[in-house]
């Protein structure tokens, strides 16, 4: 088993945010992978849980980092900080969780 560092970001968006806005959020967030070293994977999706426990969070963005040092370099990176400043106009609520995952090779 290998451990990988996961970075999970969940957003609830402001009223009136369009489908086009959401697509641009996902595009810009995903582009960080090619602009900042150490990001191994990126994925995202809209909440489809029938449980009703999302507390206003509608979208999940999921990154895998090669190391804690890579995540630590990503957080203050100017490209990431520019994205954070830009997305602020759209986001009503955000939750971030990082964890070490036990991953099995296929």
N, C-alpha and C. Protein backbone atom coordinates (compact mmCIF):
# COMPACT_ATOMS: atom_id res chain seq x y z
N UNK A 1 0.84 -1.19 0.00
CA UNK A 1 0.00 0.00 0.00
C UNK A 1 0.88 1.25 0.00
N UNK A 2 0.43 2.24 -0.71
CA UNK A 2 1.12 3.51 -0.79
C UNK A 2 0.21 4.61 -0.27
N UNK A 3 0.77 5.54 0.48
CA UNK A 3 -0.01 6.67 0.94
C UNK A 3 0.08 7.80 -0.07
N UNK A 4 -1.04 8.47 -0.29
CA UNK A 4 -1.08 9.65 -1.14
C UNK A 4 -1.81 10.75 -0.38
N UNK A 5 -1.41 11.99 -0.62
CA UNK A 5 -2.03 13.12 0.06
C UNK A 5 -3.17 13.66 -0.78
N UNK A 6 -4.36 13.62 -0.21
CA UNK A 6 -5.57 14.12 -0.88
C UNK A 6 -5.90 15.51 -0.34
N UNK A 7 -6.37 16.36 -1.23
CA UNK A 7 -6.78 17.72 -0.90
C UNK A 7 -8.20 17.85 -1.45
N UNK A 8 -9.18 17.93 -0.57
CA UNK A 8 -10.58 17.97 -0.96
C UNK A 8 -11.13 19.36 -0.68
N UNK A 9 -11.72 19.97 -1.70
CA UNK A 9 -12.30 21.30 -1.58
C UNK A 9 -13.77 21.19 -1.98
N UNK A 10 -14.65 21.59 -1.08
CA UNK A 10 -16.09 21.56 -1.37
C UNK A 10 -16.62 22.99 -1.34
N UNK A 11 -17.38 23.34 -2.36
CA UNK A 11 -17.93 24.69 -2.47
C UNK A 11 -19.44 24.66 -2.51
N UNK A 12 -20.03 25.69 -1.92
CA UNK A 12 -21.42 26.06 -2.15
C UNK A 12 -21.35 27.41 -2.85
N UNK A 13 -22.05 27.56 -3.95
CA UNK A 13 -21.95 28.76 -4.75
C UNK A 13 -23.07 29.75 -4.46
N UNK A 14 -22.79 31.02 -4.73
CA UNK A 14 -23.79 32.08 -4.55
C UNK A 14 -24.98 31.86 -5.48
N UNK A 15 -26.12 32.36 -5.08
CA UNK A 15 -27.30 32.36 -5.95
C UNK A 15 -26.94 33.09 -7.24
N UNK A 16 -27.44 32.61 -8.34
CA UNK A 16 -27.23 33.29 -9.61
C UNK A 16 -25.98 32.90 -10.36
N UNK A 17 -25.16 32.04 -9.78
CA UNK A 17 -23.97 31.58 -10.50
C UNK A 17 -24.44 30.67 -11.63
N UNK A 18 -24.03 30.98 -12.84
CA UNK A 18 -24.52 30.27 -14.02
C UNK A 18 -23.75 28.98 -14.27
N UNK A 19 -24.31 28.15 -15.14
CA UNK A 19 -23.63 26.92 -15.56
C UNK A 19 -22.30 27.27 -16.23
N UNK A 20 -22.27 28.37 -16.98
CA UNK A 20 -21.03 28.82 -17.61
C UNK A 20 -19.98 29.22 -16.58
N UNK A 21 -20.44 29.89 -15.51
CA UNK A 21 -19.52 30.26 -14.43
C UNK A 21 -18.94 29.00 -13.79
N UNK A 22 -19.79 28.01 -13.53
CA UNK A 22 -19.33 26.77 -12.91
C UNK A 22 -18.34 26.04 -13.80
N UNK A 23 -18.59 26.04 -15.09
CA UNK A 23 -17.67 25.41 -16.03
C UNK A 23 -16.31 26.11 -16.01
N UNK A 24 -16.34 27.44 -15.90
CA UNK A 24 -15.08 28.20 -15.85
C UNK A 24 -14.34 27.95 -14.53
N UNK A 25 -15.08 27.82 -13.44
CA UNK A 25 -14.46 27.47 -12.16
C UNK A 25 -13.73 26.14 -12.29
N UNK A 26 -14.41 25.13 -12.82
CA UNK A 26 -13.80 23.81 -12.97
C UNK A 26 -12.61 23.86 -13.91
N UNK A 27 -12.71 24.60 -15.00
CA UNK A 27 -11.61 24.69 -15.96
C UNK A 27 -10.38 25.32 -15.30
N UNK A 28 -10.59 26.44 -14.60
CA UNK A 28 -9.46 27.14 -13.97
C UNK A 28 -8.86 26.33 -12.83
N UNK A 29 -9.72 25.67 -12.06
CA UNK A 29 -9.22 24.85 -10.96
C UNK A 29 -8.38 23.71 -11.53
N UNK A 30 -8.90 23.03 -12.53
CA UNK A 30 -8.18 21.92 -13.15
C UNK A 30 -6.88 22.34 -13.80
N UNK A 31 -6.83 23.57 -14.33
CA UNK A 31 -5.63 24.07 -15.00
C UNK A 31 -4.47 24.23 -14.02
N UNK A 32 -4.77 24.34 -12.73
CA UNK A 32 -3.69 24.47 -11.74
C UNK A 32 -2.75 23.27 -11.79
N UNK A 33 -3.29 22.12 -12.16
CA UNK A 33 -2.46 20.90 -12.23
C UNK A 33 -1.30 21.09 -13.19
N UNK A 34 -1.54 21.78 -14.30
CA UNK A 34 -0.49 21.98 -15.30
C UNK A 34 0.38 23.19 -15.00
N UNK A 35 -0.02 24.00 -14.03
CA UNK A 35 0.70 25.23 -13.74
C UNK A 35 1.52 25.19 -12.45
N UNK A 36 1.22 24.23 -11.59
CA UNK A 36 1.90 24.15 -10.30
C UNK A 36 2.46 22.74 -10.13
N UNK A 37 3.76 22.60 -9.92
CA UNK A 37 4.35 21.27 -9.77
C UNK A 37 3.82 20.52 -8.54
N UNK A 38 3.81 19.20 -8.66
CA UNK A 38 3.48 18.35 -7.52
C UNK A 38 2.04 17.87 -7.43
N UNK A 39 1.18 18.38 -8.32
CA UNK A 39 -0.22 17.91 -8.34
C UNK A 39 -0.27 16.71 -9.27
N UNK A 40 -0.60 15.55 -8.72
CA UNK A 40 -0.61 14.32 -9.51
C UNK A 40 -1.94 14.09 -10.22
N UNK A 41 -3.04 14.52 -9.60
CA UNK A 41 -4.36 14.25 -10.18
C UNK A 41 -5.35 15.32 -9.74
N UNK A 42 -6.36 15.52 -10.58
CA UNK A 42 -7.45 16.46 -10.29
C UNK A 42 -8.73 15.85 -10.82
N UNK A 43 -9.79 15.97 -10.03
CA UNK A 43 -11.12 15.59 -10.50
C UNK A 43 -12.14 16.43 -9.76
N UNK A 44 -13.33 16.48 -10.31
CA UNK A 44 -14.37 17.28 -9.67
C UNK A 44 -15.74 16.73 -10.08
N UNK A 45 -16.74 17.13 -9.34
CA UNK A 45 -18.09 16.74 -9.68
C UNK A 45 -19.11 17.48 -8.82
N UNK A 46 -20.35 17.38 -9.26
CA UNK A 46 -21.46 18.01 -8.54
C UNK A 46 -22.09 16.99 -7.58
N UNK A 47 -22.49 17.46 -6.42
CA UNK A 47 -23.10 16.59 -5.43
C UNK A 47 -24.38 15.96 -5.98
N UNK A 48 -24.48 14.65 -5.88
CA UNK A 48 -25.68 13.93 -6.30
C UNK A 48 -26.20 13.04 -5.17
N UNK A 49 -25.73 13.27 -3.96
CA UNK A 49 -26.15 12.45 -2.83
C UNK A 49 -27.63 12.66 -2.52
N UNK A 50 -28.38 11.58 -2.32
CA UNK A 50 -29.79 11.71 -1.95
C UNK A 50 -29.99 11.89 -0.44
N UNK A 51 -28.91 11.92 0.34
CA UNK A 51 -29.02 11.95 1.80
C UNK A 51 -29.43 13.30 2.37
N UNK A 52 -29.24 14.37 1.62
CA UNK A 52 -29.61 15.69 2.11
C UNK A 52 -28.71 16.21 3.21
N UNK A 53 -27.46 15.80 3.23
CA UNK A 53 -26.53 16.20 4.29
C UNK A 53 -25.41 17.11 3.78
N UNK A 54 -25.59 17.73 2.63
CA UNK A 54 -24.51 18.51 2.02
C UNK A 54 -24.32 19.89 2.63
N UNK A 55 -25.26 20.34 3.43
CA UNK A 55 -25.15 21.63 4.14
C UNK A 55 -24.80 22.78 3.19
N UNK A 56 -25.42 22.78 2.01
CA UNK A 56 -25.21 23.86 1.06
C UNK A 56 -24.00 23.71 0.17
N UNK A 57 -23.25 22.64 0.32
CA UNK A 57 -22.08 22.40 -0.53
C UNK A 57 -22.54 21.62 -1.76
N UNK A 58 -22.27 22.16 -2.93
CA UNK A 58 -22.82 21.58 -4.15
C UNK A 58 -21.78 20.93 -5.06
N UNK A 59 -20.51 21.27 -4.89
CA UNK A 59 -19.47 20.76 -5.78
C UNK A 59 -18.24 20.35 -4.98
N UNK A 60 -17.59 19.28 -5.45
CA UNK A 60 -16.39 18.78 -4.79
C UNK A 60 -15.25 18.76 -5.80
N UNK A 61 -14.12 19.27 -5.38
CA UNK A 61 -12.90 19.29 -6.18
C UNK A 61 -11.84 18.52 -5.40
N UNK A 62 -11.14 17.63 -6.09
CA UNK A 62 -10.31 16.63 -5.43
C UNK A 62 -8.94 16.62 -6.09
N UNK A 63 -7.91 16.87 -5.32
CA UNK A 63 -6.55 16.85 -5.86
C UNK A 63 -5.71 15.82 -5.11
N UNK A 64 -4.76 15.25 -5.81
CA UNK A 64 -3.78 14.36 -5.20
C UNK A 64 -2.42 15.00 -5.37
N UNK A 65 -1.69 15.10 -4.26
CA UNK A 65 -0.35 15.68 -4.27
C UNK A 65 0.68 14.59 -4.10
N UNK A 66 1.86 14.83 -4.67
CA UNK A 66 2.93 13.84 -4.58
C UNK A 66 3.55 13.80 -3.19
N UNK A 67 3.38 14.89 -2.43
CA UNK A 67 3.96 14.94 -1.11
C UNK A 67 3.35 16.09 -0.31
N UNK A 68 3.62 16.09 0.97
CA UNK A 68 3.17 17.19 1.81
C UNK A 68 3.88 18.48 1.41
N UNK A 69 5.14 18.37 1.02
CA UNK A 69 5.90 19.54 0.58
C UNK A 69 5.28 20.15 -0.68
N UNK A 70 4.81 19.30 -1.58
CA UNK A 70 4.16 19.80 -2.80
C UNK A 70 2.87 20.54 -2.46
N UNK A 71 2.08 19.99 -1.55
CA UNK A 71 0.85 20.67 -1.10
C UNK A 71 1.19 21.99 -0.43
N UNK A 72 2.22 21.97 0.41
CA UNK A 72 2.62 23.19 1.12
C UNK A 72 3.12 24.26 0.17
N UNK A 73 3.74 23.87 -0.94
CA UNK A 73 4.19 24.84 -1.95
C UNK A 73 3.01 25.36 -2.78
N UNK A 74 2.02 24.51 -3.00
CA UNK A 74 0.81 24.87 -3.77
C UNK A 74 0.00 25.96 -3.07
N UNK A 75 -0.18 25.84 -1.77
CA UNK A 75 -1.07 26.75 -1.05
C UNK A 75 -0.71 28.23 -1.24
N UNK A 76 0.54 28.65 -1.05
CA UNK A 76 0.86 30.07 -1.24
C UNK A 76 1.28 30.42 -2.68
N UNK A 77 1.30 29.43 -3.56
CA UNK A 77 1.77 29.67 -4.94
C UNK A 77 0.95 30.81 -5.56
N UNK A 78 1.59 31.75 -6.24
CA UNK A 78 0.88 32.90 -6.81
C UNK A 78 -0.26 32.52 -7.75
N UNK A 79 -0.10 31.45 -8.51
CA UNK A 79 -1.16 31.02 -9.43
C UNK A 79 -2.37 30.52 -8.64
N UNK A 80 -2.13 29.77 -7.57
CA UNK A 80 -3.23 29.31 -6.72
C UNK A 80 -3.89 30.49 -6.04
N UNK A 81 -3.10 31.41 -5.51
CA UNK A 81 -3.66 32.58 -4.83
C UNK A 81 -4.48 33.45 -5.77
N UNK A 82 -4.07 33.56 -7.03
CA UNK A 82 -4.86 34.31 -8.02
C UNK A 82 -6.20 33.62 -8.26
N UNK A 83 -6.19 32.29 -8.31
CA UNK A 83 -7.44 31.54 -8.47
C UNK A 83 -8.35 31.76 -7.26
N UNK A 84 -7.79 31.70 -6.07
CA UNK A 84 -8.57 31.91 -4.84
C UNK A 84 -9.21 33.29 -4.86
N UNK A 85 -8.46 34.31 -5.26
CA UNK A 85 -9.01 35.67 -5.32
C UNK A 85 -10.12 35.77 -6.35
N UNK A 86 -9.92 35.13 -7.50
CA UNK A 86 -10.92 35.18 -8.58
C UNK A 86 -12.20 34.46 -8.18
N UNK A 87 -12.11 33.29 -7.59
CA UNK A 87 -13.29 32.48 -7.29
C UNK A 87 -14.13 33.06 -6.15
N UNK A 88 -13.54 33.94 -5.36
CA UNK A 88 -14.25 34.52 -4.23
C UNK A 88 -15.58 35.16 -4.59
N UNK A 89 -15.70 35.68 -5.78
CA UNK A 89 -16.95 36.32 -6.22
C UNK A 89 -18.08 35.31 -6.41
N UNK A 90 -17.76 34.04 -6.54
CA UNK A 90 -18.75 33.01 -6.83
C UNK A 90 -19.14 32.16 -5.62
N UNK A 91 -18.24 32.08 -4.63
CA UNK A 91 -18.38 31.11 -3.55
C UNK A 91 -19.08 31.70 -2.32
N UNK A 92 -20.11 30.98 -1.86
CA UNK A 92 -20.81 31.35 -0.63
C UNK A 92 -20.24 30.62 0.57
N UNK A 93 -19.72 29.42 0.32
CA UNK A 93 -19.25 28.57 1.41
C UNK A 93 -18.17 27.65 0.87
N UNK A 94 -17.15 27.41 1.69
CA UNK A 94 -16.07 26.50 1.30
C UNK A 94 -15.63 25.68 2.49
N UNK A 95 -15.29 24.43 2.22
CA UNK A 95 -14.71 23.53 3.21
C UNK A 95 -13.52 22.85 2.55
N UNK A 96 -12.42 22.78 3.27
CA UNK A 96 -11.22 22.12 2.75
C UNK A 96 -10.76 21.07 3.76
N UNK A 97 -10.46 19.88 3.26
CA UNK A 97 -9.96 18.79 4.09
C UNK A 97 -8.79 18.14 3.36
N UNK A 98 -7.71 17.94 4.06
CA UNK A 98 -6.56 17.20 3.53
C UNK A 98 -6.41 15.93 4.36
N UNK A 99 -6.05 14.84 3.70
CA UNK A 99 -5.83 13.60 4.45
C UNK A 99 -4.88 12.69 3.69
N UNK A 100 -4.20 11.85 4.44
CA UNK A 100 -3.35 10.81 3.85
C UNK A 100 -4.22 9.59 3.60
N UNK A 101 -4.28 9.18 2.34
CA UNK A 101 -5.10 8.03 1.95
C UNK A 101 -4.22 6.82 1.73
N UNK A 102 -4.71 5.70 2.17
CA UNK A 102 -4.06 4.43 1.87
C UNK A 102 -4.58 3.99 0.51
N UNK A 103 -3.70 3.91 -0.47
CA UNK A 103 -4.11 3.55 -1.82
C UNK A 103 -3.44 2.23 -2.21
N UNK A 104 -4.21 1.37 -2.76
CA UNK A 104 -3.67 0.09 -3.25
C UNK A 104 -3.42 0.18 -4.74
N UNK A 105 -2.33 -0.38 -5.19
CA UNK A 105 -2.04 -0.44 -6.61
C UNK A 105 -2.94 -1.47 -7.25
N UNK A 106 -3.25 -1.23 -8.51
CA UNK A 106 -4.10 -2.18 -9.27
C UNK A 106 -3.31 -3.40 -9.67
